[in-house]
Structure formats: structure tokens, C-alpha cells
Amino acid sequence: EISLDLTGKKAGRGAYVCKNADCLAK
């Protein structure tokens, strides 16, 4: 399951993105 982790504490493989919609779109 793929989801956002706003707390940074969920278990699993992680990747990071800026807190703006433009970077998510890129």
C-alpha cells in the first residue's frame, strides 16, 4: 500500500517529496 506519511513514523520503504503540489506533480 502506498500512502503519505505526514508524521514520518510509519513502517515501510520511504521516499520524500516537498510539501507542495508542484513537486508531487513532477
PDB file of all heavy atoms in Angstrom:
ATOM      1  N   GLU A   1       0.839  -1.198   0.000  1.00  0.00           N
ATOM      2  CA  GLU A   1       0.000   0.000   0.000  1.00  0.00           C
ATOM      3  C   GLU A   1       0.875   1.250   0.000  1.00  0.00           C
ATOM      4  O   GLU A   1       1.803   1.369   0.795  1.00  0.00           O
ATOM      5  CB  GLU A   1      -0.895  -0.018   1.239  1.00  0.00           C
ATOM      6  CG  GLU A   1      -1.842   1.148   1.319  1.00  0.00           C
ATOM      7  CD  GLU A   1      -2.659   1.121   2.599  1.00  0.00           C
ATOM      8  OE1 GLU A   1      -2.993   0.039   3.088  1.00  0.00           O
ATOM      9  OE2 GLU A   1      -2.948   2.217   3.110  1.00  0.00           O
ATOM     10  N   ILE A   2       0.571   2.188  -0.889  1.00  0.00           N
ATOM     11  CA  ILE A   2       1.306   3.452  -0.994  1.00  0.00           C
ATOM     12  C   ILE A   2       0.477   4.549  -0.322  1.00  0.00           C
ATOM     13  O   ILE A   2      -0.708   4.675  -0.594  1.00  0.00           O
ATOM     14  CB  ILE A   2       1.539   3.844  -2.468  1.00  0.00           C
ATOM     15  CG1 ILE A   2       2.168   2.709  -3.263  1.00  0.00           C
ATOM     16  CG2 ILE A   2       2.352   5.121  -2.567  1.00  0.00           C
ATOM     17  CD1 ILE A   2       3.589   2.404  -2.928  1.00  0.00           C
ATOM     18  N   SER A   3       1.115   5.316   0.576  1.00  0.00           N
ATOM     19  CA  SER A   3       0.386   6.394   1.258  1.00  0.00           C
ATOM     20  C   SER A   3       1.356   7.477   1.708  1.00  0.00           C
ATOM     21  O   SER A   3       2.559   7.265   1.764  1.00  0.00           O
ATOM     22  CB  SER A   3      -0.367   5.840   2.471  1.00  0.00           C
ATOM     23  OG  SER A   3       0.541   5.324   3.413  1.00  0.00           O
ATOM     24  N   LEU A   4       0.799   8.648   2.034  1.00  0.00           N
ATOM     25  CA  LEU A   4       1.603   9.733   2.598  1.00  0.00           C
ATOM     26  C   LEU A   4       1.796   9.489   4.082  1.00  0.00           C
ATOM     27  O   LEU A   4       0.890   9.024   4.768  1.00  0.00           O
ATOM     28  CB  LEU A   4       0.898  11.077   2.417  1.00  0.00           C
ATOM     29  CG  LEU A   4       1.031  11.786   1.089  1.00  0.00           C
ATOM     30  CD1 LEU A   4       0.369  13.150   1.184  1.00  0.00           C
ATOM     31  CD2 LEU A   4       2.445  11.940   0.643  1.00  0.00           C
ATOM     32  N   ASP A   5       2.968   9.817   4.565  1.00  0.00           N
ATOM     33  CA  ASP A   5       3.275   9.684   5.984  1.00  0.00           C
ATOM     34  C   ASP A   5       3.654  11.065   6.497  1.00  0.00           C
ATOM     35  O   ASP A   5       4.814  11.457   6.454  1.00  0.00           O
ATOM     36  CB  ASP A   5       4.413   8.691   6.171  1.00  0.00           C
ATOM     37  CG  ASP A   5       4.818   8.513   7.617  1.00  0.00           C
ATOM     38  OD1 ASP A   5       4.066   8.962   8.506  1.00  0.00           O
ATOM     39  OD2 ASP A   5       5.874   7.919   7.867  1.00  0.00           O
ATOM     40  N   LEU A   6       2.663  11.808   6.968  1.00  0.00           N
ATOM     41  CA  LEU A   6       2.915  13.170   7.435  1.00  0.00           C
ATOM     42  C   LEU A   6       3.666  13.193   8.759  1.00  0.00           C
ATOM     43  O   LEU A   6       4.294  14.186   9.096  1.00  0.00           O
ATOM     44  CB  LEU A   6       1.589  13.929   7.543  1.00  0.00           C
ATOM     45  CG  LEU A   6       0.831  14.097   6.221  1.00  0.00           C
ATOM     46  CD1 LEU A   6      -0.540  14.703   6.467  1.00  0.00           C
ATOM     47  CD2 LEU A   6       1.618  14.932   5.239  1.00  0.00           C
ATOM     48  N   THR A   7       3.631  12.085   9.518  1.00  0.00           N
ATOM     49  CA  THR A   7       4.337  12.026  10.793  1.00  0.00           C
ATOM     50  C   THR A   7       5.778  11.575  10.636  1.00  0.00           C
ATOM     51  O   THR A   7       6.611  11.862  11.488  1.00  0.00           O
ATOM     52  CB  THR A   7       3.631  11.058  11.762  1.00  0.00           C
ATOM     53  OG1 THR A   7       3.680   9.741  11.209  1.00  0.00           O
ATOM     54  CG2 THR A   7       2.199  11.458  12.002  1.00  0.00           C
ATOM     55  N   GLY A   8       6.079  10.827   9.570  1.00  0.00           N
ATOM     56  CA  GLY A   8       7.430  10.308   9.365  1.00  0.00           C
ATOM     57  C   GLY A   8       7.737   9.080  10.188  1.00  0.00           C
ATOM     58  O   GLY A   8       8.891   8.691  10.330  1.00  0.00           O
ATOM     59  N   LYS A   9       6.711   8.418  10.738  1.00  0.00           N
ATOM     60  CA  LYS A   9       6.923   7.288  11.642  1.00  0.00           C
ATOM     61  C   LYS A   9       6.380   5.951  11.131  1.00  0.00           C
ATOM     62  O   LYS A   9       6.610   4.933  11.752  1.00  0.00           O
ATOM     63  CB  LYS A   9       6.250   7.579  12.986  1.00  0.00           C
ATOM     64  CG  LYS A   9       6.675   8.872  13.613  1.00  0.00           C
ATOM     65  CD  LYS A   9       7.601   8.633  14.743  1.00  0.00           C
ATOM     66  CE  LYS A   9       7.872   9.936  15.465  1.00  0.00           C
ATOM     67  NZ  LYS A   9       9.243  10.201  15.662  1.00  0.00           N
ATOM     68  N   LYS A  10       5.655   5.953  10.011  1.00  0.00           N
ATOM     69  CA  LYS A  10       5.077   4.702   9.515  1.00  0.00           C
ATOM     70  C   LYS A  10       6.173   3.732   9.090  1.00  0.00           C
ATOM     71  O   LYS A  10       7.223   4.133   8.605  1.00  0.00           O
ATOM     72  CB  LYS A  10       4.168   4.960   8.310  1.00  0.00           C
ATOM     73  CG  LYS A  10       2.841   5.571   8.648  1.00  0.00           C
ATOM     74  CD  LYS A  10       1.982   5.645   7.408  1.00  0.00           C
ATOM     75  CE  LYS A  10       0.659   6.299   7.688  1.00  0.00           C
ATOM     76  NZ  LYS A  10      -0.145   6.439   6.478  1.00  0.00           N
ATOM     77  N   ALA A  11       5.880   2.441   9.254  1.00  0.00           N
ATOM     78  CA  ALA A  11       6.823   1.408   8.853  1.00  0.00           C
ATOM     79  C   ALA A  11       6.743   1.190   7.350  1.00  0.00           C
ATOM     80  O   ALA A  11       5.672   1.280   6.757  1.00  0.00           O
ATOM     81  CB  ALA A  11       6.494   0.107   9.577  1.00  0.00           C
ATOM     82  N   GLY A  12       7.886   0.922   6.746  1.00  0.00           N
ATOM     83  CA  GLY A  12       7.915   0.627   5.324  1.00  0.00           C
ATOM     84  C   GLY A  12       8.984   1.412   4.596  1.00  0.00           C
ATOM     85  O   GLY A  12       9.712   2.226   5.169  1.00  0.00           O
ATOM     86  N   ARG A  13       9.092   1.156   3.308  1.00  0.00           N
ATOM     87  CA  ARG A  13      10.058   1.826   2.436  1.00  0.00           C
ATOM     88  C   ARG A  13       9.589   3.250   2.181  1.00  0.00           C
ATOM     89  O   ARG A  13       8.421   3.476   1.876  1.00  0.00           O
ATOM     90  CB  ARG A  13      10.140   1.044   1.126  1.00  0.00           C
ATOM     91  CG  ARG A  13      10.961   1.665   0.059  1.00  0.00           C
ATOM     92  CD  ARG A  13      12.377   1.134   0.126  1.00  0.00           C
ATOM     93  NE  ARG A  13      13.121   1.656  -1.034  1.00  0.00           N
ATOM     94  CZ  ARG A  13      14.291   2.229  -0.922  1.00  0.00           C
ATOM     95  NH1 ARG A  13      14.857   2.335   0.251  1.00  0.00           N
ATOM     96  NH2 ARG A  13      14.917   2.673  -1.979  1.00  0.00           N
ATOM     97  N   GLY A  14      10.480   4.210   2.289  1.00  0.00           N
ATOM     98  CA  GLY A  14      10.083   5.605   2.144  1.00  0.00           C
ATOM     99  C   GLY A  14      10.800   6.343   1.035  1.00  0.00           C
ATOM    100  O   GLY A  14      11.928   6.017   0.676  1.00  0.00           O
ATOM    101  N   ALA A  15      10.118   7.322   0.477  1.00  0.00           N
ATOM    102  CA  ALA A  15      10.684   8.279  -0.472  1.00  0.00           C
ATOM    103  C   ALA A  15      10.131   9.641  -0.070  1.00  0.00           C
ATOM    104  O   ALA A  15       9.072   9.724   0.548  1.00  0.00           O
ATOM    105  CB  ALA A  15      10.290   7.924  -1.899  1.00  0.00           C
ATOM    106  N   TYR A  16      10.846  10.703  -0.409  1.00  0.00           N
ATOM    107  CA  TYR A  16      10.476  12.030   0.088  1.00  0.00           C
ATOM    108  C   TYR A  16      10.117  12.973  -1.045  1.00  0.00           C
ATOM    109  O   TYR A  16      10.631  12.857  -2.155  1.00  0.00           O
ATOM    110  CB  TYR A  16      11.631  12.623   0.899  1.00  0.00           C
ATOM    111  CG  TYR A  16      11.879  11.882   2.185  1.00  0.00           C
ATOM    112  CD1 TYR A  16      12.665  10.747   2.216  1.00  0.00           C
ATOM    113  CD2 TYR A  16      11.295  12.302   3.371  1.00  0.00           C
ATOM    114  CE1 TYR A  16      12.878  10.049   3.392  1.00  0.00           C
ATOM    115  CE2 TYR A  16      11.505  11.613   4.553  1.00  0.00           C
ATOM    116  CZ  TYR A  16      12.298  10.490   4.558  1.00  0.00           C
ATOM    117  OH  TYR A  16      12.499   9.804   5.718  1.00  0.00           O
ATOM    118  N   VAL A  17       9.212  13.904  -0.736  1.00  0.00           N
ATOM    119  CA  VAL A  17       8.792  14.926  -1.697  1.00  0.00           C
ATOM    120  C   VAL A  17       8.533  16.219  -0.918  1.00  0.00           C
ATOM    121  O   VAL A  17       8.182  16.186   0.262  1.00  0.00           O
ATOM    122  CB  VAL A  17       7.541  14.461  -2.484  1.00  0.00           C
ATOM    123  CG1 VAL A  17       6.325  14.377  -1.596  1.00  0.00           C
ATOM    124  CG2 VAL A  17       7.271  15.339  -3.677  1.00  0.00           C
ATOM    125  N   CYS A  18       8.744  17.357  -1.586  1.00  0.00           N
ATOM    126  CA  CYS A  18       8.475  18.657  -0.954  1.00  0.00           C
ATOM    127  C   CYS A  18       6.994  18.774  -0.589  1.00  0.00           C
ATOM    128  O   CYS A  18       6.161  18.088  -1.162  1.00  0.00           O
ATOM    129  CB  CYS A  18       8.840  19.795  -1.914  1.00  0.00           C
ATOM    130  SG  CYS A  18      10.584  19.927  -2.282  1.00  0.00           S
ATOM    131  N   LYS A  19       6.696  19.698   0.311  1.00  0.00           N
ATOM    132  CA  LYS A  19       5.315  19.892   0.762  1.00  0.00           C
ATOM    133  C   LYS A  19       4.525  20.781  -0.173  1.00  0.00           C
ATOM    134  O   LYS A  19       3.696  21.561   0.263  1.00  0.00           O
ATOM    135  CB  LYS A  19       5.296  20.509   2.166  1.00  0.00           C
ATOM    136  CG  LYS A  19       5.696  19.571   3.246  1.00  0.00           C
ATOM    137  CD  LYS A  19       5.566  20.221   4.601  1.00  0.00           C
ATOM    138  CE  LYS A  19       6.008  19.286   5.691  1.00  0.00           C
ATOM    139  NZ  LYS A  19       5.962  19.881   7.000  1.00  0.00           N
ATOM    140  N   ASN A  20       4.771  20.700  -1.484  1.00  0.00           N
ATOM    141  CA  ASN A  20       3.957  21.455  -2.419  1.00  0.00           C
ATOM    142  C   ASN A  20       3.497  20.562  -3.566  1.00  0.00           C
ATOM    143  O   ASN A  20       4.136  19.563  -3.891  1.00  0.00           O
ATOM    144  CB  ASN A  20       4.676  22.715  -2.923  1.00  0.00           C
ATOM    145  CG  ASN A  20       5.898  22.416  -3.744  1.00  0.00           C
ATOM    146  OD1 ASN A  20       5.896  21.550  -4.591  1.00  0.00           O
ATOM    147  ND2 ASN A  20       6.957  23.157  -3.484  1.00  0.00           N
ATOM    148  N   ALA A  21       2.384  20.927  -4.143  1.00  0.00           N
ATOM    149  CA  ALA A  21       1.747  20.103  -5.166  1.00  0.00           C
ATOM    150  C   ALA A  21       2.575  20.045  -6.450  1.00  0.00           C
ATOM    151  O   ALA A  21       2.503  19.049  -7.179  1.00  0.00           O
ATOM    152  CB  ALA A  21       0.354  20.641  -5.455  1.00  0.00           C
ATOM    153  N   ASP A  22       3.380  21.081  -6.722  1.00  0.00           N
ATOM    154  CA  ASP A  22       4.186  21.097  -7.944  1.00  0.00           C
ATOM    155  C   ASP A  22       5.219  19.976  -7.951  1.00  0.00           C
ATOM    156  O   ASP A  22       5.418  19.312  -8.968  1.00  0.00           O
ATOM    157  CB  ASP A  22       4.889  22.446  -8.115  1.00  0.00           C
ATOM    158  CG  ASP A  22       3.915  23.585  -8.351  1.00  0.00           C
ATOM    159  OD1 ASP A  22       2.788  23.316  -8.809  1.00  0.00           O
ATOM    160  OD2 ASP A  22       4.282  24.745  -8.079  1.00  0.00           O
ATOM    161  N   CYS A  23       5.894  19.771  -6.823  1.00  0.00           N
ATOM    162  CA  CYS A  23       6.908  18.719  -6.754  1.00  0.00           C
ATOM    163  C   CYS A  23       6.265  17.335  -6.858  1.00  0.00           C
ATOM    164  O   CYS A  23       6.840  16.435  -7.468  1.00  0.00           O
ATOM    165  CB  CYS A  23       7.729  18.832  -5.474  1.00  0.00           C
ATOM    166  SG  CYS A  23       9.028  20.070  -5.595  1.00  0.00           S
ATOM    167  N   LEU A  24       5.089  17.171  -6.280  1.00  0.00           N
ATOM    168  CA  LEU A  24       4.392  15.891  -6.404  1.00  0.00           C
ATOM    169  C   LEU A  24       4.015  15.643  -7.861  1.00  0.00           C
ATOM    170  O   LEU A  24       4.149  14.528  -8.360  1.00  0.00           O
ATOM    171  CB  LEU A  24       3.147  15.856  -5.518  1.00  0.00           C
ATOM    172  CG  LEU A  24       2.378  14.536  -5.515  1.00  0.00           C
ATOM    173  CD1 LEU A  24       3.240  13.401  -4.985  1.00  0.00           C
ATOM    174  CD2 LEU A  24       1.118  14.640  -4.707  1.00  0.00           C
ATOM    175  N   ALA A  25       3.595  16.693  -8.560  1.00  0.00           N
ATOM    176  CA  ALA A  25       3.249  16.553  -9.979  1.00  0.00           C
ATOM    177  C   ALA A  25       4.481  16.190 -10.809  1.00  0.00           C
ATOM    178  O   ALA A  25       4.398  15.357 -11.721  1.00  0.00           O
ATOM    179  CB  ALA A  25       2.621  17.844 -10.489  1.00  0.00           C
ATOM    180  N   LYS A  26       5.635  16.786 -10.492  1.00  0.00           N
ATOM    181  CA  LYS A  26       6.878  16.454 -11.196  1.00  0.00           C
ATOM    182  C   LYS A  26       7.264  15.001 -10.953  1.00  0.00           C
ATOM    183  O   LYS A  26       7.672  14.299 -11.880  1.00  0.00           O
ATOM    184  CB  LYS A  26       8.019  17.364 -10.735  1.00  0.00           C
ATOM    185  CG  LYS A  26       7.941  18.775 -11.240  1.00  0.00           C
ATOM    186  CD  LYS A  26       9.117  19.571 -10.692  1.00  0.00           C
ATOM    187  CE  LYS A  26       8.965  21.055 -10.939  1.00  0.00           C
ATOM    188  NZ  LYS A  26      10.043  21.826 -10.304  1.00  0.00           N
TER     189      LYS A  26
END
